[in-house]
Amino acid sequence: MSLAKYYEIGKINLQNNLAYKAEFIIHGLFIGLIIFIFVNLWKAIYTTKVTIEGFTIVMMIWYLVMTESIVTAQGHIIKDLNAEIKNGEIANSLNKPYHFLGYHFAKCMAYTGLSFVMTLVIGGVIAYLLIGPFTLAWYTLPFIAIAVIFALIIDYSINTLIGLFAFWMEDTSAFEFLYAKIVFVAGGMLVPLEIFPEMIGKVLSKLPFSYIAYHPGKLFVNFSFSDFQQVILGQGIYLLVLVPLLFLIFHRAMKKVQINGG
């Protein structure tokens, strides 16, 4: 199966998304507003403290910029799959000369990559103006980028799994809402997991949600090669579980399509 077709699908969708720059700018400004609110909240919390669980206020805000950029980048994959399954458009999609999951992956990553960069830039500018820069070794950027890419793929895989359950449940919006809130809290998007009681934090740090937000965010503000190795190992293990599971659920869903006549 040629990968070139999926590259072209991603390229075309990226070009289409670039035609709607205003959407990404508004999205980035919304995240910027959230960061503005959290800057003032954390300033109040840090009034009598220099660090909280090893995080300075600068680290905390830049951590939030990274986690917000990752988690909010995914787009509407669950809603898109729900709509495609409900209206029967999936019957046409399955007849195309590409794999259904490969198409949605290329399409989603084109949107996600652009959204992530736009949000990171806008959020970063606001954080820089309000709280200042933090020291970042440039040689760590390729390693952080790898962790972020893996995080986005894990997030895509879970979102797609939830979307595919529309074959059995018609509407999975409730699960989408629940998943988002789990990532916000248990995934460490809003606050680092060190803020939780030690035992709870350790448990949450082993779950897949933490490899989407917490671990890449912490690498961003406090990088070490030992941490990077552990993060990549954890992300790799979850991808080895999620990707085959995604294909398994998809193939079972296809049997249901045949049973129902499309």
Protein backbone atom coordinates (compact mmCIF):
# COMPACT_ATOMS: atom_id res chain seq x y z
CA MET A 1 0.00 0.00 0.00
CA SER A 2 1.58 3.26 -1.16
CA LEU A 3 2.09 5.96 1.45
CA ALA A 4 2.26 8.62 -1.25
CA LYS A 5 -1.53 8.78 -1.55
CA TYR A 6 -1.88 9.52 2.16
CA TYR A 7 0.79 12.20 1.91
CA GLU A 8 -1.23 13.80 -0.90
CA ILE A 9 -4.44 13.53 1.15
CA GLY A 10 -2.72 15.27 4.05
CA LYS A 11 -1.25 17.90 1.72
CA ILE A 12 -4.62 18.67 0.12
CA ASN A 13 -6.34 18.94 3.50
CA LEU A 14 -3.56 21.17 4.79
CA GLN A 15 -4.05 23.48 1.81
CA ASN A 16 -7.79 23.50 2.44
CA ASN A 17 -7.26 24.31 6.11
CA LEU A 18 -4.89 27.15 5.23
CA ALA A 19 -7.76 28.73 3.32
CA TYR A 20 -9.53 29.18 6.66
CA LYS A 21 -6.78 30.86 8.67
CA ALA A 22 -9.31 32.89 10.63
CA GLU A 23 -10.68 29.73 12.27
CA PHE A 24 -7.23 28.78 13.58
CA ILE A 25 -6.45 32.32 14.67
CA ILE A 26 -9.72 32.57 16.60
CA HIS A 27 -9.04 29.15 18.14
CA GLY A 28 -5.55 30.28 19.14
CA LEU A 29 -6.87 33.53 20.60
CA PHE A 30 -9.42 31.56 22.65
CA ILE A 31 -6.60 29.46 24.08
CA GLY A 32 -4.70 32.68 24.66
CA LEU A 33 -7.63 33.97 26.72
CA ILE A 34 -7.53 30.80 28.81
CA ILE A 35 -3.80 31.27 29.36
CA PHE A 36 -4.39 34.91 30.35
CA ILE A 37 -6.89 33.76 32.98
CA PHE A 38 -4.54 31.09 34.30
CA VAL A 39 -1.60 33.49 34.43
CA ASN A 40 -3.55 35.72 36.80
CA LEU A 41 -4.80 32.72 38.78
CA TRP A 42 -1.32 31.28 39.21
CA LYS A 43 0.13 34.70 40.07
CA ALA A 44 -2.26 34.82 42.99
CA ILE A 45 -1.31 31.29 44.05
CA TYR A 46 2.43 31.98 43.75
CA THR A 47 2.24 35.19 45.80
CA THR A 48 3.84 33.50 48.80
CA LYS A 49 5.63 30.71 46.95
CA VAL A 50 8.63 30.44 44.64
CA THR A 51 7.92 26.90 43.45
CA ILE A 52 5.03 24.46 43.69
CA GLU A 53 6.01 20.80 43.41
CA GLY A 54 9.18 21.85 41.60
CA PHE A 55 7.42 24.18 39.13
CA THR A 56 8.13 27.90 39.11
CA ILE A 57 5.34 30.14 37.87
CA VAL A 58 7.14 30.53 34.53
CA MET A 59 7.40 26.75 34.14
CA MET A 60 3.75 26.32 35.14
CA ILE A 61 2.45 28.77 32.54
CA TRP A 62 4.63 27.43 29.71
CA TYR A 63 3.64 23.90 30.69
CA LEU A 64 0.01 24.99 30.27
CA VAL A 65 0.79 26.52 26.86
CA MET A 66 2.17 23.18 25.65
CA THR A 67 -0.56 20.95 27.10
CA GLU A 68 -3.34 23.22 25.83
CA SER A 69 -1.77 23.24 22.37
CA ILE A 70 -1.61 19.43 22.25
CA VAL A 71 -5.04 18.64 23.66
CA THR A 72 -7.01 21.26 21.73
CA ALA A 73 -5.28 20.52 18.40
CA GLN A 74 -7.19 17.36 17.51
CA GLY A 75 -10.19 18.95 15.84
CA HIS A 76 -13.55 17.21 15.40
CA ILE A 77 -12.63 13.64 14.48
CA ILE A 78 -15.35 12.10 16.67
CA LYS A 79 -18.07 14.38 15.31
CA ASP A 80 -16.87 13.80 11.74
CA LEU A 81 -16.98 10.02 12.15
CA ASN A 82 -20.38 10.18 13.84
CA ALA A 83 -21.79 12.22 10.97
CA GLU A 84 -20.21 10.00 8.30
CA ILE A 85 -21.60 6.84 9.89
CA LYS A 86 -25.05 8.30 10.57
CA ASN A 87 -25.69 9.74 7.11
CA GLY A 88 -24.34 6.67 5.30
CA GLU A 89 -21.49 8.54 3.64
CA ILE A 90 -19.16 5.85 4.94
CA ALA A 91 -20.47 3.53 2.21
CA ASN A 92 -18.91 5.84 -0.37
CA SER A 93 -15.72 6.27 1.65
CA LEU A 94 -15.18 2.52 1.81
CA ASN A 95 -15.23 2.31 -2.01
CA LYS A 96 -12.37 4.77 -2.39
CA PRO A 97 -8.85 3.54 -3.33
CA TYR A 98 -7.46 4.10 0.14
CA HIS A 99 -7.89 2.67 3.61
CA PHE A 100 -10.61 4.40 5.61
CA LEU A 101 -8.45 4.77 8.72
CA GLY A 102 -5.44 5.92 6.70
CA TYR A 103 -7.52 8.62 5.02
CA HIS A 104 -8.86 9.96 8.31
CA PHE A 105 -5.41 9.82 9.88
CA ALA A 106 -3.87 11.90 7.07
CA LYS A 107 -6.80 14.32 7.09
CA CYS A 108 -6.78 14.68 10.87
CA MET A 109 -3.02 15.12 11.18
CA ALA A 110 -3.07 17.91 8.58
CA TYR A 111 -5.59 19.81 10.69
CA THR A 112 -3.98 18.85 14.00
CA GLY A 113 -0.47 19.90 12.98
CA LEU A 114 -1.61 23.32 11.80
CA SER A 115 -3.83 23.84 14.84
CA PHE A 116 -1.03 22.82 17.22
CA VAL A 117 1.50 25.21 15.70
CA MET A 118 -0.96 28.12 15.57
CA THR A 119 -2.06 27.63 19.17
CA LEU A 120 1.49 27.18 20.42
CA VAL A 121 2.62 30.38 18.72
CA ILE A 122 -0.29 32.51 19.92
CA GLY A 123 -0.24 31.00 23.42
CA GLY A 124 3.53 31.37 23.55
CA VAL A 125 3.39 35.06 22.61
CA ILE A 126 0.79 35.74 25.30
CA ALA A 127 2.75 33.78 27.91
CA TYR A 128 5.94 35.62 26.94
CA LEU A 129 4.28 39.02 27.27
CA LEU A 130 2.54 38.25 30.57
CA ILE A 131 5.05 36.08 32.42
CA GLY A 132 8.27 36.16 30.42
CA PRO A 133 10.42 33.52 28.71
CA PHE A 134 11.87 30.38 30.20
CA THR A 135 15.23 28.81 29.46
CA LEU A 136 14.96 26.21 26.71
CA ALA A 137 17.93 24.33 25.29
CA TRP A 138 17.41 24.31 21.53
CA TYR A 139 18.99 20.88 21.12
CA THR A 140 16.05 19.41 23.07
CA LEU A 141 13.46 20.56 20.51
CA PRO A 142 13.72 17.51 18.19
CA PHE A 143 13.19 15.19 21.16
CA ILE A 144 10.27 17.22 22.46
CA ALA A 145 8.80 17.21 18.94
CA ILE A 146 8.93 13.40 18.85
CA ALA A 147 7.08 13.19 22.19
CA VAL A 148 4.47 15.67 20.95
CA ILE A 149 3.92 13.75 17.69
CA PHE A 150 3.46 10.49 19.60
CA ALA A 151 1.07 12.27 21.98
CA LEU A 152 -1.02 13.55 19.06
CA ILE A 153 -1.17 10.06 17.52
CA ILE A 154 -2.27 8.52 20.83
CA ASP A 155 -4.94 11.19 21.16
CA TYR A 156 -6.06 10.59 17.55
CA SER A 157 -6.25 6.82 18.16
CA ILE A 158 -8.44 7.18 21.24
CA ASN A 159 -10.67 9.76 19.56
CA THR A 160 -11.07 7.51 16.51
CA LEU A 161 -11.91 4.51 18.69
CA ILE A 162 -14.64 6.56 20.36
CA GLY A 163 -15.89 7.74 16.97
CA LEU A 164 -16.09 4.20 15.59
CA PHE A 165 -18.40 3.17 18.41
CA ALA A 166 -21.07 5.15 16.55
CA PHE A 167 -21.60 1.91 14.61
CA TRP A 168 -23.14 0.49 17.76
CA MET A 169 -24.34 3.55 19.67
CA GLU A 170 -25.43 6.05 16.99
CA ASP A 171 -24.13 9.04 18.97
CA THR A 172 -20.89 9.01 20.96
CA SER A 173 -20.89 12.70 21.95
CA ALA A 174 -21.32 11.77 25.64
CA PHE A 175 -18.14 9.69 25.49
CA GLU A 176 -16.38 12.53 23.68
CA PHE A 177 -17.32 14.90 26.51
CA LEU A 178 -16.21 12.41 29.17
CA TYR A 179 -12.91 11.70 27.41
CA ALA A 180 -12.12 15.41 27.10
CA LYS A 181 -12.68 15.95 30.82
CA ILE A 182 -10.52 12.94 31.70
CA VAL A 183 -7.64 14.35 29.65
CA PHE A 184 -8.15 17.79 31.20
CA VAL A 185 -7.81 16.45 34.74
CA ALA A 186 -6.29 12.94 34.80
CA GLY A 187 -4.14 13.66 31.75
CA GLY A 188 -2.55 16.64 33.44
CA MET A 189 -3.63 19.25 30.92
CA LEU A 190 -4.78 21.81 33.48
CA VAL A 191 -2.18 21.13 36.17
CA PRO A 192 0.87 18.85 36.46
CA LEU A 193 0.16 15.53 38.13
CA GLU A 194 2.53 16.45 40.97
CA ILE A 195 -0.30 18.63 42.30
CA PHE A 196 -2.33 15.51 43.11
CA PRO A 197 -1.70 13.38 46.20
CA GLU A 198 1.42 11.30 45.57
CA MET A 199 -0.29 7.91 45.16
CA ILE A 200 -2.98 9.29 42.83
CA GLY A 201 -0.39 11.18 40.80
CA LYS A 202 1.71 8.05 40.31
CA VAL A 203 -1.29 6.04 39.12
CA LEU A 204 -2.44 8.78 36.74
CA SER A 205 1.08 9.14 35.31
CA LYS A 206 0.93 5.54 34.05
CA LEU A 207 -2.37 5.96 32.19
CA PRO A 208 -2.44 6.77 28.45
CA PHE A 209 -4.02 10.18 29.06
CA SER A 210 -0.89 11.42 30.85
CA TYR A 211 1.20 10.55 27.79
CA ILE A 212 -0.95 12.94 25.77
CA ALA A 213 -0.57 16.02 27.95
CA TYR A 214 1.42 15.70 31.18
CA HIS A 215 4.59 13.96 30.04
CA PRO A 216 5.19 16.03 26.85
CA GLY A 217 4.35 19.20 28.79
CA LYS A 218 6.82 18.37 31.53
CA LEU A 219 9.53 17.50 29.00
CA PHE A 220 8.96 20.90 27.43
CA VAL A 221 9.65 22.84 30.62
CA ASN A 222 12.05 20.45 32.38
CA PHE A 223 13.78 18.25 29.84
CA SER A 224 16.06 15.33 30.67
CA PHE A 225 17.16 12.45 28.47
CA SER A 226 16.21 9.87 31.10
CA ASP A 227 12.68 11.28 31.27
CA PHE A 228 12.52 11.41 27.47
CA GLN A 229 13.41 7.72 27.21
CA GLN A 230 10.73 6.77 29.74
CA VAL A 231 8.11 8.92 28.00
CA ILE A 232 8.87 7.49 24.55
CA LEU A 233 8.82 3.97 25.96
CA GLY A 234 5.42 4.55 27.58
CA GLN A 235 4.00 6.19 24.46
CA GLY A 236 5.36 3.37 22.30
CA ILE A 237 3.74 0.71 24.47
CA TYR A 238 0.36 2.44 24.32
CA LEU A 239 0.62 2.88 20.55
CA LEU A 240 1.39 -0.83 20.19
CA VAL A 241 -1.87 -1.49 22.03
CA LEU A 242 -4.06 1.25 20.56
CA VAL A 243 -3.22 0.92 16.86
CA PRO A 244 -4.00 -2.85 16.57
CA LEU A 245 -7.10 -2.28 18.73
CA LEU A 246 -8.18 0.49 16.36
CA PHE A 247 -7.90 -1.81 13.35
CA LEU A 248 -9.69 -4.62 15.21
CA ILE A 249 -12.65 -2.40 16.10
CA PHE A 250 -12.73 -1.07 12.54
CA HIS A 251 -12.88 -4.56 11.02
CA ARG A 252 -15.66 -5.56 13.41
CA ALA A 253 -17.50 -2.40 12.45
CA MET A 254 -17.16 -3.32 8.78
CA LYS A 255 -18.91 -6.63 9.46
CA LYS A 256 -21.74 -4.64 10.96
CA VAL A 257 -21.91 -2.48 7.84
CA GLN A 258 -22.29 -5.62 5.71
CA ILE A 259 -24.98 -7.01 8.02
CA ASN A 260 -26.98 -3.78 7.89
CA GLY A 261 -26.52 -3.36 4.16
CA GLY A 262 -24.30 -0.26 4.38
